[in-house]
Each structure stands twice: as C-alpha cells, then as structure tokens.
Amino acid sequence: MSVDLTVEGAVAKIVLNRPDKLNALDLEMRQSLSEHFVRLRYDETVRVIVVTGAGRGFCSGADVDRMAGRDHDLRAGRERMQQGAHTFIRALHAIEKPTIAAVRGPAVGIGWSIALACDLVVASQTARFSQIFRRIGLAPDGGAIWFLTRRLGMAKAKELVFTARFVEAEEALALGLVNYVVADDELMAKTDALARDLAEAPTFALGLAKKLFHAAVGPSLDDYLDIESLVQPQLHMTADNAEGIAAFREKRAPKFTGR
C-alpha cells in the first residue's frame, strides 16, 4: 500500500509511502487519499490529522511517467481530473478539524497543493516547494492558484507559478506559506507536539472557525476547481505538454513552442 494510515489516540497520521519515487502520486494513491480523508472527516474519535511523506521527500507531484499516452478527449480529461486530484483535495479541505502537513524535502506540483490544503505546515530545513508545472507545459492544479493567491496576493503567486522556481524553507516561512521551520530530525517531534495540543482543543469550535476562514474570501474552492477542470485537460492536448513530458523522461531541457 502506498498510503499508510495510523491512528494514535485522537491523532491520525497519513503517510505517503512511495519513497523510491519521492512519493509521486499514482492513481491508487489518489484514491486512497480520498477514502482516508472522507473516513477521517466523520470519525469522531479523530480530532487532528497529520499528512507527511516517507523517506527524504514529502511529495514530488504526480507520477509523470503515468501521464504519457493519455487520450485527447476534453470531457474524459475533465472527469479524470474531477475524480482524481480534485476529489481528495476537496475531501481534505472539507475536514472540519485541524490538519497539519509535515514537510521534508520536495513538495512540488500536486504535492505542494496537499500541503497548501492543510491548515498548518511544519517544514524541516530541507523542505523545498515549487509549482513545477511550467516544466511540463501545464498549469497548476489541485487548487494551487486558489490557495497561493489567498495567501500571497496575485503578484507573488504569479511569480511562483510563472517561474516555477523553488522556494526554500526559510523563504516559505517569511512568505507565510509555512508556520514553523525546524531541523530535519526534529520535524516529527514538533509536528506530534502540535498535533497533541490541537487534539485537546475544542474540535467543533475549530472546525466551524475553518468554515468561516473558507467563506472569508470568494470564490469558493469548489467554484475554482470547476474552472480548473476545464483548463488542465486542454493543456494535456498541447504539443508543449508532450514535449515537457518527453524532456522529463529523457532528462533534458524542454524546447517549448507555445503550442
């Protein structure tokens, strides 16, 4: 199983467990995340949820090797997106109890979206974040632009998306994208202490506070994801996306034509 779930007391821990691929998400992992998030949302014994990655990375994004050969059908692409990444991002965002991402190493693409969808982020000094989609001719997905614009404003969010540069842990802290930065060997100790503290808080009150935060700035995540599901399937049909995937697999620089 590439996604592990354990529960200790009132704290549930979800571990992306595909370390040989830096926890890149395949279809089975997306389905498992959706199932776990839905279950935990309604499990009254669980009051805090931690999401982390096994090995030296949090999540390196989608499994690019699985992208090649997708059919060029807009409706099928939209349905695939809605049933895949959007399902588990919606499920994570909808949980009415505190969620914490514990991040070491790379959190890129959809991996960064998972961290952004959590309420709090504890990062180790090795944590690195990137909206890497430009490198394979795609736009960010998983609600990344929605989350980043809310946290950073339009100009800074555009810079991170357009450049696809890496944001190191200390810069992420300065930008307000993470809440704590600790030494790599202290990551889980800090996260566990924070989780235990939140597990003793009034869960229902914090859950309703989350709903107020969600409503504070429009549009809703659901409305945004509906638009996103029309964008990415079109980009999967482009020559630039095909070139980006080929370049990634061949470990060379892509040559984009804007088509």
Protein backbone atom coordinates (compact mmCIF):
# COMPACT_ATOMS: atom_id res chain seq x y z
CA MET A 1 0.00 0.00 0.00
CA SER A 2 1.46 3.39 -0.99
CA VAL A 3 -0.58 5.43 1.50
CA ASP A 4 -0.43 4.38 5.15
CA LEU A 5 -2.94 5.39 7.82
CA THR A 6 -2.34 5.04 11.55
CA VAL A 7 -4.33 6.42 14.47
CA GLU A 8 -2.81 7.03 17.89
CA GLY A 9 -5.22 8.43 20.43
CA ALA A 10 -7.05 11.33 18.78
CA VAL A 11 -4.36 11.92 16.12
CA ALA A 12 -4.50 10.28 12.68
CA LYS A 13 -1.36 10.17 10.55
CA ILE A 14 -1.39 9.68 6.79
CA VAL A 15 1.96 8.81 5.25
CA LEU A 16 2.62 8.94 1.51
CA ASN A 17 4.77 5.84 1.26
CA ARG A 18 6.48 5.59 -2.10
CA PRO A 19 9.93 6.86 -1.16
CA ASP A 20 11.71 5.44 -4.20
CA LYS A 21 9.65 7.89 -6.31
CA LEU A 22 9.79 10.71 -3.73
CA ASN A 23 6.14 9.83 -3.06
CA ALA A 24 4.93 10.80 -6.54
CA LEU A 25 1.19 10.22 -6.71
CA ASP A 26 -0.23 7.48 -8.89
CA LEU A 27 -3.93 6.72 -9.36
CA GLU A 28 -4.09 4.24 -6.49
CA MET A 29 -2.59 6.77 -4.07
CA ARG A 30 -5.10 9.42 -5.10
CA GLN A 31 -7.96 7.01 -4.49
CA SER A 32 -6.54 6.02 -1.11
CA LEU A 33 -6.17 9.65 -0.06
CA SER A 34 -9.78 10.36 -1.00
CA GLU A 35 -11.02 7.38 1.00
CA HIS A 36 -8.91 8.22 4.05
CA PHE A 37 -9.88 11.90 4.12
CA VAL A 38 -13.60 11.13 3.84
CA ARG A 39 -13.38 8.49 6.56
CA LEU A 40 -11.43 10.72 8.92
CA ARG A 41 -13.77 13.65 8.42
CA TYR A 42 -16.57 11.68 10.04
CA ASP A 43 -14.55 9.70 12.59
CA GLU A 44 -15.42 11.39 15.89
CA THR A 45 -12.52 9.71 17.69
CA VAL A 46 -10.02 11.54 15.44
CA ARG A 47 -9.52 15.23 16.27
CA VAL A 48 -6.35 16.08 14.33
CA ILE A 49 -4.92 14.78 11.03
CA VAL A 50 -1.24 14.83 10.06
CA VAL A 51 -0.11 14.32 6.45
CA THR A 52 3.54 13.55 5.72
CA GLY A 53 5.80 11.61 3.36
CA ALA A 54 8.09 8.63 3.86
CA GLY A 55 11.81 8.98 3.19
CA ARG A 56 13.53 12.17 2.12
CA GLY A 57 10.60 13.91 0.40
CA PHE A 58 7.03 14.96 1.06
CA CYS A 59 5.64 14.52 -2.46
CA SER A 60 7.28 15.13 -5.83
CA GLY A 61 3.93 15.69 -7.54
CA ALA A 62 2.08 13.49 -9.97
CA ASP A 63 3.81 10.46 -11.44
CA VAL A 64 4.90 11.95 -14.78
CA ASP A 65 5.60 8.50 -16.22
CA ARG A 66 1.86 7.79 -15.97
CA MET A 67 0.96 10.91 -17.98
CA ALA A 68 2.25 9.76 -21.35
CA GLY A 69 -0.30 8.29 -23.71
CA ARG A 70 -3.39 9.94 -22.22
CA ASP A 71 -6.28 10.25 -24.64
CA HIS A 72 -7.03 13.68 -26.06
CA ASP A 73 -10.66 13.88 -25.05
CA LEU A 74 -11.69 17.03 -23.17
CA ARG A 75 -14.68 15.52 -21.40
CA ALA A 76 -12.76 12.41 -20.34
CA GLY A 77 -9.88 14.57 -19.13
CA ARG A 78 -12.23 16.76 -17.11
CA GLU A 79 -13.88 13.73 -15.50
CA ARG A 80 -10.49 12.17 -14.74
CA MET A 81 -9.38 15.37 -13.01
CA GLN A 82 -12.59 15.75 -11.03
CA GLN A 83 -12.46 12.12 -9.90
CA GLY A 84 -8.74 12.21 -9.12
CA ALA A 85 -6.88 15.16 -7.61
CA HIS A 86 -10.00 17.25 -7.10
CA THR A 87 -11.72 14.54 -5.09
CA PHE A 88 -9.00 14.24 -2.46
CA ILE A 89 -8.21 17.97 -2.34
CA ARG A 90 -11.91 18.72 -1.79
CA ALA A 91 -12.09 15.99 0.85
CA LEU A 92 -9.02 17.32 2.68
CA HIS A 93 -10.21 20.93 2.52
CA ALA A 94 -13.67 19.96 3.83
CA ILE A 95 -12.44 18.26 7.03
CA GLU A 96 -13.83 20.19 10.00
CA LYS A 97 -10.88 19.53 12.30
CA PRO A 98 -7.25 20.72 12.25
CA THR A 99 -4.95 19.30 9.57
CA ILE A 100 -1.16 19.55 9.62
CA ALA A 101 1.34 18.92 6.81
CA ALA A 102 4.79 17.79 7.97
CA VAL A 103 7.14 18.51 5.06
CA ARG A 104 10.72 17.48 4.46
CA GLY A 105 12.42 17.59 1.08
CA PRO A 106 10.49 18.42 -2.08
CA ALA A 107 6.81 19.32 -2.06
CA VAL A 108 6.12 20.16 -5.68
CA GLY A 109 3.16 20.24 -8.03
CA ILE A 110 0.16 18.47 -6.55
CA GLY A 111 2.38 17.68 -3.55
CA TRP A 112 2.53 21.36 -2.69
CA SER A 113 -1.24 21.58 -3.20
CA ILE A 114 -1.70 18.94 -0.50
CA ALA A 115 0.42 20.98 1.91
CA LEU A 116 -1.42 24.18 1.00
CA ALA A 117 -4.77 22.47 1.62
CA CYS A 118 -3.74 21.70 5.21
CA ASP A 119 -4.39 24.25 7.96
CA LEU A 120 -0.82 24.34 9.27
CA VAL A 121 2.54 23.39 7.78
CA VAL A 122 5.61 22.30 9.73
CA ALA A 123 8.65 22.25 7.46
CA SER A 124 12.13 20.87 8.01
CA GLN A 125 15.13 22.87 6.85
CA THR A 126 15.35 20.58 3.81
CA ALA A 127 11.82 21.42 2.62
CA ARG A 128 11.56 22.88 -0.89
CA PHE A 129 8.39 23.96 -2.67
CA SER A 130 7.68 24.56 -6.37
CA GLN A 131 4.80 24.99 -8.79
CA ILE A 132 6.75 22.92 -11.27
CA PHE A 133 4.01 22.62 -13.90
CA ARG A 134 5.64 25.05 -16.36
CA ARG A 135 8.40 22.49 -16.92
CA ILE A 136 5.93 20.03 -18.44
CA GLY A 137 3.75 22.56 -20.25
CA LEU A 138 0.85 22.57 -17.79
CA ALA A 139 -0.90 24.99 -15.43
CA PRO A 140 -1.01 24.31 -11.66
CA ASP A 141 -3.77 22.03 -10.43
CA GLY A 142 -5.11 20.79 -7.12
CA GLY A 143 -6.34 24.30 -6.31
CA ALA A 144 -2.76 25.62 -6.09
CA ILE A 145 -3.51 29.04 -7.60
CA TRP A 146 -6.57 29.43 -5.36
CA PHE A 147 -4.51 28.68 -2.24
CA LEU A 148 -1.47 30.73 -3.27
CA THR A 149 -3.44 33.81 -4.28
CA ARG A 150 -5.25 33.82 -0.96
CA ARG A 151 -2.00 33.59 0.97
CA LEU A 152 0.32 35.73 -1.11
CA GLY A 153 -1.75 38.03 -3.30
CA MET A 154 -1.88 37.97 -7.08
CA ALA A 155 1.58 39.33 -7.97
CA LYS A 156 3.66 36.97 -5.82
CA ALA A 157 1.52 33.96 -6.68
CA LYS A 158 2.03 34.69 -10.39
CA GLU A 159 5.79 34.92 -9.89
CA LEU A 160 5.95 31.48 -8.29
CA VAL A 161 3.74 29.93 -10.98
CA PHE A 162 5.39 31.64 -13.96
CA THR A 163 8.99 30.99 -12.87
CA ALA A 164 8.41 27.50 -11.37
CA ARG A 165 11.33 28.33 -9.07
CA PHE A 166 11.94 26.55 -5.79
CA VAL A 167 11.03 28.23 -2.52
CA GLU A 168 13.31 27.06 0.29
CA ALA A 169 12.02 26.55 3.81
CA GLU A 170 13.13 29.87 5.30
CA GLU A 171 11.65 31.88 2.42
CA ALA A 172 8.42 29.89 2.72
CA LEU A 173 8.31 30.85 6.40
CA ALA A 174 8.91 34.53 5.60
CA LEU A 175 6.14 34.45 2.98
CA GLY A 176 3.68 32.85 5.38
CA LEU A 177 3.47 29.61 3.40
CA VAL A 178 4.63 27.50 6.35
CA ASN A 179 4.13 28.04 10.07
CA TYR A 180 7.30 26.53 11.52
CA VAL A 181 10.77 25.56 10.28
CA VAL A 182 12.75 23.06 12.33
CA ALA A 183 15.80 20.85 11.92
CA ASP A 184 15.17 17.78 9.82
CA ASP A 185 15.50 15.40 12.76
CA GLU A 186 13.01 17.46 14.79
CA LEU A 187 10.26 17.53 12.18
CA MET A 188 8.02 14.79 13.53
CA ALA A 189 8.62 15.69 17.18
CA LYS A 190 7.46 19.26 16.52
CA THR A 191 4.51 18.03 14.45
CA ASP A 192 3.46 15.47 17.04
CA ALA A 193 3.60 18.06 19.83
CA LEU A 194 1.46 20.46 17.81
CA ALA A 195 -0.99 17.69 16.96
CA ARG A 196 -1.34 16.67 20.61
CA ASP A 197 -2.02 20.28 21.60
CA LEU A 198 -4.71 20.67 18.94
CA ALA A 199 -6.24 17.31 19.89
CA GLU A 200 -7.02 18.81 23.30
CA ALA A 201 -8.69 21.89 21.79
CA PRO A 202 -12.46 22.29 21.22
CA THR A 203 -12.58 20.45 17.91
CA PHE A 204 -16.08 21.54 16.93
CA ALA A 205 -15.24 25.22 17.50
CA LEU A 206 -12.05 24.96 15.43
CA GLY A 207 -13.97 23.16 12.68
CA LEU A 208 -16.53 25.94 12.44
CA ALA A 209 -13.75 28.53 12.54
CA LYS A 210 -12.33 26.79 9.46
CA LYS A 211 -15.66 27.26 7.69
CA LEU A 212 -15.51 30.98 8.49
CA PHE A 213 -12.00 31.19 7.04
CA HIS A 214 -13.19 29.40 3.90
CA ALA A 215 -16.05 31.89 3.50
CA ALA A 216 -13.90 34.96 4.20
CA VAL A 217 -12.71 35.38 0.61
CA GLY A 218 -14.51 34.21 -2.55
CA PRO A 219 -14.92 32.37 -4.82
CA SER A 220 -15.16 29.02 -3.07
CA LEU A 221 -12.66 26.24 -3.72
CA ASP A 222 -15.43 24.21 -5.37
CA ASP A 223 -16.17 27.01 -7.83
CA TYR A 224 -12.49 27.42 -8.60
CA LEU A 225 -11.90 23.69 -9.16
CA ASP A 226 -14.79 23.56 -11.63
CA ILE A 227 -12.93 26.12 -13.76
CA GLU A 228 -9.60 24.35 -13.25
CA SER A 229 -11.07 21.10 -14.55
CA LEU A 230 -11.67 22.80 -17.92
CA VAL A 231 -8.12 24.18 -18.17
CA GLN A 232 -5.80 21.25 -17.50
CA PRO A 233 -7.44 18.74 -19.88
CA GLN A 234 -6.95 21.22 -22.74
CA LEU A 235 -3.28 21.61 -21.85
CA HIS A 236 -2.83 17.85 -21.93
CA MET A 237 -3.65 18.09 -25.65
CA THR A 238 -0.83 20.52 -26.47
CA ALA A 239 2.50 19.92 -28.16
CA ASP A 240 4.23 21.69 -25.26
CA ASN A 241 2.87 19.18 -22.76
CA ALA A 242 4.03 16.27 -24.91
CA GLU A 243 7.46 17.89 -25.22
CA GLY A 244 7.63 18.61 -21.48
CA ILE A 245 6.87 15.00 -20.56
CA ALA A 246 9.32 13.67 -23.14
CA ALA A 247 12.06 16.01 -21.87
CA PHE A 248 11.40 14.99 -18.27
CA ARG A 249 11.65 11.30 -19.10
CA GLU A 250 14.77 11.84 -21.22
CA LYS A 251 16.35 14.10 -18.55
CA ARG A 252 16.93 17.03 -20.91
CA ALA A 253 15.78 20.64 -21.17
CA PRO A 254 12.42 21.00 -22.97
CA LYS A 255 12.05 23.01 -26.17
CA PHE A 256 8.64 24.66 -25.99
CA THR A 257 6.95 26.27 -28.99
CA GLY A 258 3.92 27.81 -27.27
CA ARG A 259 1.56 25.36 -28.98
